Amino acid sequence: MSSRSLSRRGLIVGGGAAAALTAGAGLSAWSAQSHAARPSTERQVEPFYGDHQAGIATAPQAHAMFLALDLLSAADTDMGTARENLRSILRLWTTDAARLTQGIPALADTEPELATTTARLTVTAGLGPSVFAKTGLADRCPASARDFPAFSTDRLDKRWCGGDLLLQICADSPLLVAHAARVLLKNVRSLASERWRQTGFRTPRPKTPPGARCAISWGRSTAP
């Protein structure tokens, strides 16, 4: 074989390199098209005031955090004080959330530069059935405010169940979710304590069908 002839080894190596370059170019093009097709939500604002709280019927965002808190126990305070503490918490959360969701730093925000984007941030507050008993308002507790019954397959841990108050914080930016949680918790830590927290994420837009993160590695499509 002449020096100009292509050996079998050279053909395989060359073909592999060409395939890799082609695949790389394809991935780059796909990535660019994907990002171009996905609108940025960094400046999108969800209204804070409305018929009900934001986050109830809002299109799901990419990131979420759920925080459960407990008021000071009855051993630490009487029901009248517990009621005032609850009012204070809800007022503080309303004021801070109304600003944060519109891209305005909270009044006592020590990192205001983190609150200049909105990313469809929503803050939703809920009351657990136990808070009505602690504040002497058991007769005003809605019938729908009750603990869900456990399923037969559940292995529930009390450390991750219940709570007097629940905060649902959602946005298309995990940094904004974390910042909002820090601000909202910091301002009420003398009135309530954190019981548990859970975080989650999902595809923010329906353009990409849901599926396992390892689907490509397994050689299957995530399309339905």
Protein backbone atom coordinates (compact mmCIF):
# COMPACT_ATOMS: atom_id res chain seq x y z
CA MET A 1 0.00 0.00 0.00
CA SER A 2 1.39 3.39 -0.98
CA SER A 3 2.00 6.13 1.54
CA ARG A 4 -0.93 7.98 0.05
CA SER A 5 -3.34 5.10 0.52
CA LEU A 6 -5.69 5.24 3.49
CA SER A 7 -5.27 2.37 5.93
CA ARG A 8 -8.22 0.65 7.57
CA ARG A 9 -7.14 2.09 10.93
CA GLY A 10 -6.89 5.57 9.41
CA LEU A 11 -10.32 5.20 7.85
CA ILE A 12 -11.88 4.21 11.18
CA VAL A 13 -10.14 6.99 13.10
CA GLY A 14 -10.95 9.57 10.44
CA GLY A 15 -14.54 8.44 10.17
CA GLY A 16 -14.93 8.54 13.94
CA ALA A 17 -13.55 12.06 14.12
CA ALA A 18 -15.87 13.19 11.34
CA ALA A 19 -18.84 11.60 13.09
CA ALA A 20 -17.88 13.28 16.35
CA LEU A 21 -17.57 16.66 14.65
CA THR A 22 -20.92 16.18 12.93
CA ALA A 23 -22.58 15.15 16.19
CA GLY A 24 -20.99 18.08 17.99
CA ALA A 25 -22.22 20.48 15.36
CA GLY A 26 -25.68 18.96 15.55
CA LEU A 27 -25.79 19.26 19.33
CA SER A 28 -24.59 22.87 19.16
CA ALA A 29 -27.24 23.72 16.60
CA TRP A 30 -29.94 21.94 18.62
CA SER A 31 -28.86 23.73 21.80
CA ALA A 32 -28.86 27.12 20.08
CA GLN A 33 -32.31 26.49 18.58
CA SER A 34 -33.62 25.24 21.92
CA HIS A 35 -32.45 28.33 23.78
CA ALA A 36 -33.67 30.62 21.03
CA ALA A 37 -37.12 29.01 21.06
CA ARG A 38 -37.42 29.25 24.84
CA PRO A 39 -38.54 32.76 25.84
CA SER A 40 -36.75 34.32 28.78
CA THR A 41 -38.94 34.86 31.83
CA GLU A 42 -36.37 36.89 33.75
CA ARG A 43 -38.49 40.05 33.47
CA GLN A 44 -41.94 38.48 33.38
CA VAL A 45 -44.17 39.52 36.27
CA GLU A 46 -47.08 37.63 37.80
CA PRO A 47 -49.68 39.92 39.43
CA PHE A 48 -49.66 39.75 43.22
CA TYR A 49 -53.23 40.95 43.84
CA GLY A 50 -56.29 39.30 42.31
CA ASP A 51 -59.37 37.20 43.01
CA HIS A 52 -57.15 34.71 44.83
CA GLN A 53 -53.49 34.38 45.70
CA ALA A 54 -50.92 34.14 42.95
CA GLY A 55 -49.61 30.60 42.63
CA ILE A 56 -53.06 28.99 42.80
CA ALA A 57 -53.99 29.03 39.11
CA THR A 58 -50.66 30.33 37.79
CA ALA A 59 -48.92 28.38 35.04
CA PRO A 60 -46.29 26.26 36.85
CA GLN A 61 -42.82 27.75 37.11
CA ALA A 62 -39.54 25.87 36.85
CA HIS A 63 -38.58 25.90 40.54
CA ALA A 64 -40.53 25.65 43.79
CA MET A 65 -39.92 25.61 47.52
CA PHE A 66 -42.43 24.61 50.18
CA LEU A 67 -41.83 25.78 53.74
CA ALA A 68 -43.86 24.78 56.79
CA LEU A 69 -43.65 26.86 59.96
CA ASP A 70 -45.03 26.63 63.49
CA LEU A 71 -46.15 29.53 65.65
CA LEU A 72 -44.69 29.81 69.12
CA SER A 73 -46.19 27.01 71.20
CA ALA A 74 -48.91 27.55 73.76
CA ALA A 75 -46.29 27.07 76.48
CA ASP A 76 -44.46 30.16 75.21
CA THR A 77 -47.42 32.47 74.61
CA ASP A 78 -51.17 32.82 75.21
CA MET A 79 -53.81 32.62 72.49
CA GLY A 80 -54.25 36.38 72.28
CA THR A 81 -50.55 36.89 71.67
CA ALA A 82 -50.53 33.99 69.20
CA ARG A 83 -53.31 35.73 67.26
CA GLU A 84 -51.33 38.97 67.13
CA ASN A 85 -48.24 37.05 66.04
CA LEU A 86 -50.22 35.44 63.23
CA ARG A 87 -51.50 38.83 62.08
CA SER A 88 -47.96 40.23 62.15
CA ILE A 89 -46.61 37.32 60.10
CA LEU A 90 -49.30 37.66 57.44
CA ARG A 91 -48.82 41.44 57.23
CA LEU A 92 -45.05 41.08 56.87
CA TRP A 93 -45.37 38.38 54.24
CA THR A 94 -47.95 40.41 52.30
CA THR A 95 -45.75 43.52 52.27
CA ASP A 96 -42.57 41.66 51.35
CA ALA A 97 -44.14 39.36 48.76
CA ALA A 98 -45.98 42.24 47.06
CA ARG A 99 -42.62 43.93 46.51
CA LEU A 100 -40.49 40.89 45.65
CA THR A 101 -42.91 39.58 43.03
CA GLN A 102 -42.75 42.94 41.24
CA GLY A 103 -38.94 43.14 41.24
CA ILE A 104 -38.74 45.54 44.20
CA PRO A 105 -36.48 44.59 47.15
CA ALA A 106 -38.18 44.03 50.51
CA LEU A 107 -37.85 46.86 53.00
CA ALA A 108 -35.32 45.03 55.18
CA ASP A 109 -33.58 43.21 52.31
CA THR A 110 -29.83 43.06 52.95
CA GLU A 111 -29.19 41.81 49.39
CA PRO A 112 -31.45 44.04 47.26
CA GLU A 113 -29.45 43.29 44.11
CA LEU A 114 -30.92 39.77 44.13
CA ALA A 115 -34.48 41.10 43.95
CA THR A 116 -34.20 43.14 40.75
CA THR A 117 -35.55 40.35 38.52
CA THR A 118 -38.97 38.72 38.74
CA ALA A 119 -38.84 35.43 36.76
CA ARG A 120 -42.59 34.95 37.36
CA LEU A 121 -42.07 34.80 41.13
CA THR A 122 -45.17 33.95 43.17
CA VAL A 123 -45.60 33.59 46.92
CA THR A 124 -48.61 31.69 48.29
CA ALA A 125 -49.42 31.37 52.00
CA GLY A 126 -51.62 28.72 53.59
CA LEU A 127 -52.98 28.04 57.07
CA GLY A 128 -52.97 24.59 58.64
CA PRO A 129 -55.79 23.38 60.93
CA SER A 130 -53.50 23.55 63.97
CA VAL A 131 -53.06 27.32 63.70
CA PHE A 132 -56.76 27.88 64.38
CA ALA A 133 -56.53 25.97 67.66
CA LYS A 134 -53.37 27.79 68.75
CA THR A 135 -54.95 31.20 68.14
CA GLY A 136 -58.32 30.45 69.76
CA LEU A 137 -60.12 30.44 66.40
CA ALA A 138 -61.05 26.75 66.24
CA ASP A 139 -64.70 27.66 65.61
CA ARG A 140 -63.65 29.52 62.44
CA CYS A 141 -61.57 26.70 60.98
CA PRO A 142 -62.94 25.77 57.53
CA ALA A 143 -64.14 22.20 57.16
CA SER A 144 -61.70 21.76 54.28
CA ALA A 145 -58.71 22.61 56.51
CA ARG A 146 -57.79 19.16 57.75
CA ASP A 147 -54.91 16.72 57.50
CA PHE A 148 -54.95 14.38 54.53
CA PRO A 149 -55.45 10.73 55.49
CA ALA A 150 -52.44 8.48 54.97
CA PHE A 151 -52.47 5.93 52.16
CA SER A 152 -51.84 2.29 53.00
CA THR A 153 -48.43 2.42 51.32
CA ASP A 154 -47.30 5.65 53.04
CA ARG A 155 -44.39 5.62 55.46
CA LEU A 156 -44.89 9.08 56.89
CA ASP A 157 -42.31 10.78 59.08
CA LYS A 158 -43.80 13.36 61.47
CA ARG A 159 -40.76 15.56 60.96
CA TRP A 160 -41.95 16.17 57.38
CA CYS A 161 -45.67 16.50 58.06
CA GLY A 162 -47.99 19.18 59.36
CA GLY A 163 -47.33 22.78 60.24
CA ASP A 164 -49.28 25.86 61.27
CA LEU A 165 -48.31 27.85 58.17
CA LEU A 166 -47.19 26.92 54.68
CA LEU A 167 -45.29 29.07 52.20
CA GLN A 168 -45.20 28.09 48.54
CA ILE A 169 -42.53 30.06 46.66
CA CYS A 170 -42.24 29.50 42.90
CA ALA A 171 -40.23 31.13 40.10
CA ASP A 172 -38.31 30.32 36.95
CA SER A 173 -35.07 31.15 38.81
CA PRO A 174 -33.79 28.98 41.70
CA LEU A 175 -31.76 31.93 42.98
CA LEU A 176 -34.87 34.09 43.22
CA VAL A 177 -36.76 31.33 45.05
CA ALA A 178 -33.94 30.96 47.59
CA HIS A 179 -33.65 34.73 48.06
CA ALA A 180 -37.39 35.17 48.60
CA ALA A 181 -37.41 32.33 51.13
CA ARG A 182 -34.53 33.87 53.06
CA VAL A 183 -36.22 37.28 53.20
CA LEU A 184 -39.64 35.93 54.20
CA LEU A 185 -38.23 33.67 56.92
CA LYS A 186 -35.80 36.20 58.33
CA ASN A 187 -38.51 38.73 59.10
CA VAL A 188 -40.67 36.30 61.11
CA ARG A 189 -38.10 34.15 62.90
CA SER A 190 -39.00 35.76 66.26
CA LEU A 191 -42.65 34.76 65.74
CA ALA A 192 -42.44 31.30 64.18
CA SER A 193 -39.94 28.50 63.59
CA GLU A 194 -39.32 26.46 60.45
CA ARG A 195 -40.70 22.93 60.66
CA TRP A 196 -39.64 21.49 57.29
CA ARG A 197 -38.87 22.46 53.71
CA GLN A 198 -38.95 20.73 50.36
CA THR A 199 -37.71 21.94 46.97
CA GLY A 200 -38.52 20.79 43.48
CA PHE A 201 -38.10 21.64 39.82
CA ARG A 202 -39.74 20.88 36.50
CA THR A 203 -39.66 21.91 32.84
CA PRO A 204 -41.13 25.42 32.88
CA ARG A 205 -42.67 25.24 29.43
CA PRO A 206 -44.58 22.42 27.70
CA LYS A 207 -42.27 22.57 24.66
CA THR A 208 -40.14 19.72 26.02
CA PRO A 209 -42.09 16.59 27.04
CA PRO A 210 -41.35 15.35 30.55
CA GLY A 211 -39.23 12.26 31.00
CA ALA A 212 -36.26 10.77 32.81
CA ARG A 213 -33.07 12.81 32.87
CA CYS A 214 -31.18 9.68 31.72
CA ALA A 215 -33.47 8.94 28.76
CA ILE A 216 -30.84 9.80 26.16
CA SER A 217 -28.24 7.66 27.94
CA TRP A 218 -30.68 4.75 27.89
CA GLY A 219 -31.20 5.21 24.16
CA ARG A 220 -34.88 6.10 24.24
CA SER A 221 -36.85 9.22 23.45
CA THR A 222 -38.72 11.24 26.07
CA ALA A 223 -41.55 11.90 23.62
CA PRO A 224 -44.90 10.35 24.57
